[in-house]
């Protein structure tokens, strides 16, 4: 299925209606922080690869994005700062414990680096 294409600004404006939905955004990667492979104790998976956090920036705003990682080492092929990407994310909207301001979290489902 095709996820709805949005700008970061549209997502910020209408975030409530996108809770738990997939959307596709295009923008530039900044502040990429990739974590080393993480050993885990799952039946089918001993190591999680490609765990990362970055900020996606377009002309309308910025959005923190999180990659939860994968059992496949190819997941380490993450974009770099300055790369233009098309990313499909699951949107989570919540208020962090002890805070009063809602946070939008975008969790990657697919990343495509654009040339």
Protein backbone atom coordinates (compact mmCIF):
# COMPACT_ATOMS: atom_id res chain seq x y z
CA UNK A 1 0.00 0.00 0.00
CA UNK A 2 1.21 3.51 -0.62
CA UNK A 3 1.71 5.67 2.44
CA UNK A 4 0.43 9.22 2.17
CA UNK A 5 3.10 11.72 1.10
CA UNK A 6 3.41 14.72 3.40
CA UNK A 7 5.74 17.56 4.20
CA UNK A 8 7.14 17.82 7.71
CA UNK A 9 5.03 20.96 8.19
CA UNK A 10 1.81 19.14 7.24
CA UNK A 11 2.67 16.36 9.65
CA UNK A 12 3.22 18.82 12.52
CA UNK A 13 -0.04 20.59 11.72
CA UNK A 14 -2.22 17.45 11.46
CA UNK A 15 -0.20 14.99 13.57
CA UNK A 16 -3.19 13.75 15.60
CA UNK A 17 -4.84 12.28 12.52
CA UNK A 18 -1.65 10.38 11.61
CA UNK A 19 -1.17 8.59 14.94
CA UNK A 20 -0.20 4.96 14.17
CA UNK A 21 -0.33 5.63 10.41
CA UNK A 22 2.45 5.31 7.86
CA UNK A 23 3.44 8.41 5.94
CA UNK A 24 6.16 9.13 3.40
CA UNK A 25 8.38 12.18 3.73
CA UNK A 26 11.20 13.52 1.58
CA UNK A 27 13.99 15.56 3.09
CA UNK A 28 17.60 15.87 4.09
CA UNK A 29 19.27 13.84 6.84
CA UNK A 30 20.98 15.78 9.62
CA UNK A 31 22.44 14.79 12.98
CA UNK A 32 22.64 11.09 12.00
CA UNK A 33 23.60 9.02 15.02
CA UNK A 34 23.98 5.34 14.22
CA UNK A 35 24.42 2.95 17.13
CA UNK A 36 26.71 -0.10 17.01
CA UNK A 37 25.07 -3.49 16.42
CA UNK A 38 23.20 -4.49 19.56
CA UNK A 39 23.24 -8.10 20.83
CA UNK A 40 19.72 -9.23 21.67
CA UNK A 41 18.22 -12.43 23.02
CA UNK A 42 15.50 -13.17 20.50
CA UNK A 43 14.77 -16.61 19.08
CA UNK A 44 15.35 -15.66 15.44
CA UNK A 45 17.72 -12.79 15.91
CA UNK A 46 20.96 -12.50 17.87
CA UNK A 47 21.92 -8.95 16.81
CA UNK A 48 20.03 -5.81 15.83
CA UNK A 49 21.66 -3.74 13.09
CA UNK A 50 20.90 -0.25 11.87
CA UNK A 51 19.61 1.27 15.09
CA UNK A 52 19.82 5.01 14.55
CA UNK A 53 18.36 8.42 15.22
CA UNK A 54 18.43 11.39 12.89
CA UNK A 55 16.59 14.58 12.05
CA UNK A 56 14.74 14.84 8.74
CA UNK A 57 14.64 18.39 7.41
CA UNK A 58 12.57 19.78 4.55
CA UNK A 59 11.52 23.32 3.58
CA UNK A 60 8.67 23.22 6.09
CA UNK A 61 10.38 21.98 9.25
CA UNK A 62 12.30 19.22 10.98
CA UNK A 63 11.29 15.88 12.48
CA UNK A 64 13.19 13.47 14.74
CA UNK A 65 13.27 10.00 13.19
CA UNK A 66 14.20 6.73 14.84
CA UNK A 67 15.30 3.47 13.23
CA UNK A 68 14.64 0.54 15.57
CA UNK A 69 17.01 -1.74 13.72
CA UNK A 70 16.73 -5.07 11.96
CA UNK A 71 18.11 -8.60 12.25
CA UNK A 72 19.78 -8.14 8.85
CA UNK A 73 23.24 -6.58 8.61
CA UNK A 74 22.15 -4.70 5.43
CA UNK A 75 20.27 -2.41 7.84
CA UNK A 76 23.67 -0.87 8.63
CA UNK A 77 23.52 0.83 5.21
CA UNK A 78 22.04 3.99 6.69
CA UNK A 79 21.94 7.38 5.01
CA UNK A 80 24.54 9.98 5.97
CA UNK A 81 24.26 13.63 6.98
CA UNK A 82 23.33 15.67 3.93
CA UNK A 83 21.72 12.76 2.03
CA UNK A 84 18.32 13.44 0.51
CA UNK A 85 16.02 10.57 1.38
CA UNK A 86 12.49 9.36 0.94
CA UNK A 87 11.45 7.74 4.18
CA UNK A 88 8.28 5.90 5.12
CA UNK A 89 7.63 6.12 8.84
CA UNK A 90 5.08 5.02 11.43
CA UNK A 91 3.89 8.05 13.39
CA UNK A 92 3.59 7.91 17.17
CA UNK A 93 2.22 10.89 19.08
CA UNK A 94 2.64 10.90 22.85
CA UNK A 95 3.48 13.01 25.88
CA UNK A 96 6.76 11.89 27.48
CA UNK A 97 6.58 11.04 31.17
CA UNK A 98 6.86 14.12 33.33
CA UNK A 99 6.26 16.50 30.42
CA UNK A 100 3.20 18.31 29.15
CA UNK A 101 4.10 18.84 25.49
CA UNK A 102 3.16 16.24 22.88
CA UNK A 103 6.01 14.73 20.94
CA UNK A 104 5.81 13.31 17.44
CA UNK A 105 8.05 10.31 16.92
CA UNK A 106 8.63 8.89 13.45
CA UNK A 107 9.80 5.27 13.30
CA UNK A 108 11.35 4.19 10.01
CA UNK A 109 9.78 1.47 7.92
CA UNK A 110 11.70 2.10 4.71
CA UNK A 111 14.48 4.50 3.70
CA UNK A 112 15.45 5.23 0.11
CA UNK A 113 18.44 7.49 -0.58
CA UNK A 114 17.63 9.76 -3.51
CA UNK A 115 20.33 10.65 -6.02
